Amino acid sequence: MRSRVTWDLCWAWYHALPEAQQAQIAGMGFGHLLSVRPFHLDVPYLEALRERWEDCKAFIMPWGHMIPTLEDVAYLTGLPVQGEPVVGLERRDYYDDIAELLGPEFVAGRRRPIQSILLGSLSEAVGLRGRRRGPLESLDEFYAGVRGALDLGDRSEERSVRIFVSYLFGRLLFATQSSQMNCKFVLLLRDLAQAGRYAWGAAMLGHLFSLLPSSSQRSQSTGGFTLQIWGYTRFPMGRGTLVEGRQMMVPLMTRWEVAPDPRVTDRRAGDVRVALDHYPHDQVVWTPYVGEADASHPAVAAGRPLFDRHLLLLCLGTCEVLYLELVVRTLGWHQPTIEVASLGREGHSRRRFFAEDRDWGADHGSTVAYWREGGEQVARVTDLQDSSAYMEDYQARYVGRLWLDRRVMPESQAIRLLEGRLAEQEIELTRLRAEVRTLREELARSRASRDAGASSFAQSARGDLAHRLQEALDRAEARVRELETERADSGVATLQSQMESLRLELVRVEGRLLEAREWEKEARDRERDADRARADISRNYEILKDRVLRRRREQQRTAQQEAPARTGSAFASLDDLLTLGDPSMARGGLPLPEASTASRPPLPDRRREREEEEVSSSHSKTHIHHMLWCRVYAIYLAKEAKSEEGHTTEWEKNRGNTLIG
């Protein structure tokens, strides 16, 4: 969920409008909400909550079901929770309605049918498109810039109000992940005088229920901000702090400030999950609004008849069930065992567009009538002494979702969790002490005014105020004493001892980790030595192979050079032998004087044939001699290499045998 981007613009836009338009918007029921100064969203906190949402429309917490109720919405936001259900027409084409209610410029150039409107076009129409608060820009500086850029033009007052409220719907009250808004919400603004009769708070809560199963960090709505403060009031473990001097402000969201605190903000959703799993059950606040006067909360005073009733929450095509039976501890009762599947009142959601005009209220008349009749009274079981039976059944039912006694917390995460608890206790103590000081000052002023003398009616009113202030002061002082006692007796000492033991364990783990890293380093060194040895062996083998091949080539060249001389000497000897049997040749191969051969027939000349046979025989003998010499020389080289290297591998031996063969 993105942090306070559009809320900044809605707040500044509203306060930059003329006072008459602000009064009209406040009369519609949005004034209290728009008086809340924007604050940061605690994204990890909300993400951890969203993961625990179950089909029974409740959060599955280690201490039981928890559900935001209409009482929470009324106290926290000031939105009306009682009134007409937010239902109405759903059209196939809103072209004519948009042109009439917002202005023809919003439909210019668009094709029919028109079913949604781009939210950026609403802010662009008044000169505020793209306006964002800078990271170093204060809210007052941003407001001054919006006030200077706001251009209402010559529009009527009603159209200007409709444009702003439509943007408020699409960006905060009923926001989705889309940059467009369904035009069906605009139809609710046809009669602005009647817009204040709707139960906007109930519709916003139903919209939040419909988004929780599929919401992500990108979704943003007033429901997200409300859910965050709701969590702070029930199990205070987040970043929010109650601001000094705002104890009497309405609605309750205005009393909180969610500014970054370096002691508790450096965390992730995983840290919040672990913190929720280990949060003390006895510190969960089930009734946080005890002592608040209904007279100071108009939405609470009007909606109180619905706070103990089972209801269906309606919001233009969505119907979500509020199972108050699961969280009767918020009413101050003990929680009885209840079969979730037996509740049997399933809601339904419908966000699609229709091919024809439909009246959702007419199609679901019984659902609308159920809301108008005030739902059903939740029965109270009076003979219960505690909620232990419910918790046993609850833990057995959701054993796979609670992670109770199943998660082994890492030491570093446990230290962060304990340090976070200490920091949160310090923050709460600081806040409570400031609240005590403020209440004492208010009480002193009230008593001084009463003692100064006034009319009986004024004295009675001041007496009631003094009584309420005294009660609030007593509660705050009791809480301060409780926290201080816890810290003095066992809280801080126990946490510090646990942190010290965890730190020692962490040191031991780090020592083992360093030892493992040393072993790993030695193994890498041995591996590098082995790689170097293999490289040396490979290099020496290549040198040996080159030496053998070089000697073999030299041997072949020598043999080729000696072969012609041997052949020549063989031929000379052959000539001498031949001349011995030839009567025509003298010794030394010289021819004899010719004799008359006329009386004899010529003898066949077989000299050339004998020469060719002699040459062939000589070549064959030379080849055999050469091969024998090469084999002997190779054996000699192999033995010499073995004696020189000393550590020839088996593979090299086989290679030498191959060369020899």
Foldseek 3Di string as FASTA:
>chain_A
DAWCWVLLVLLLLLVLDDPVLNVLVVLLFQNQQSVADGATFLLLLLVLQLVQQDPLLFGQFLLFTDHDDLLLLLQARLGAQDFAAAFWKFFQACQVVCCVQQRNVQCPPHDPRDFKGQLLVLCVQQQRRPQTADPPHDSVNSSVVCSVRGHPDPDDSRNNSLSSVVSLCDQAQQHDLDRIDGCVVSVCSPPSNCSNRYSSSLQSSLSVSVQSNPPDSSTHYNVSVSVVVVCCLFQNQAQKAFDFPCPLPPRPSNRIHRDDDVQRSPDHSVLSNVCSLPRDSVRTDLASCPLPDVVSRVSCVVCVVLRQAWAWRDHHQWTQTDPCLRRCVSVVAAREADDSVVVPDGIGGDDDHDPGMDGVCVVPVVNSVCVVVSHGGRDGDDPDPHRVVNSVVSCVVVVVPSCHPPDDDQLVSLLSSLSSVVVSLVSLLVRLVSLLVVLVVLLVVLVVVLVVDDDPVVNVVSVVVNVSSVVVNVVSVVVNVVSVCCCVPDNVVVSVVSNVVSVVVVVVVVVVVVVVVVVVVVVVVVVVVVVVVVVVLVVVLVVLVVVVVVVVVVLVVVLVVPLVVVLVVLVVVVLQVVQVPDPQADHPRHGDDDDDCPVPDDDDDCVVVVVVVSSVVSVVVSVVVSLVVVLVVLVVSVVVVCVVPVDRDPVSVVVSVVVSD
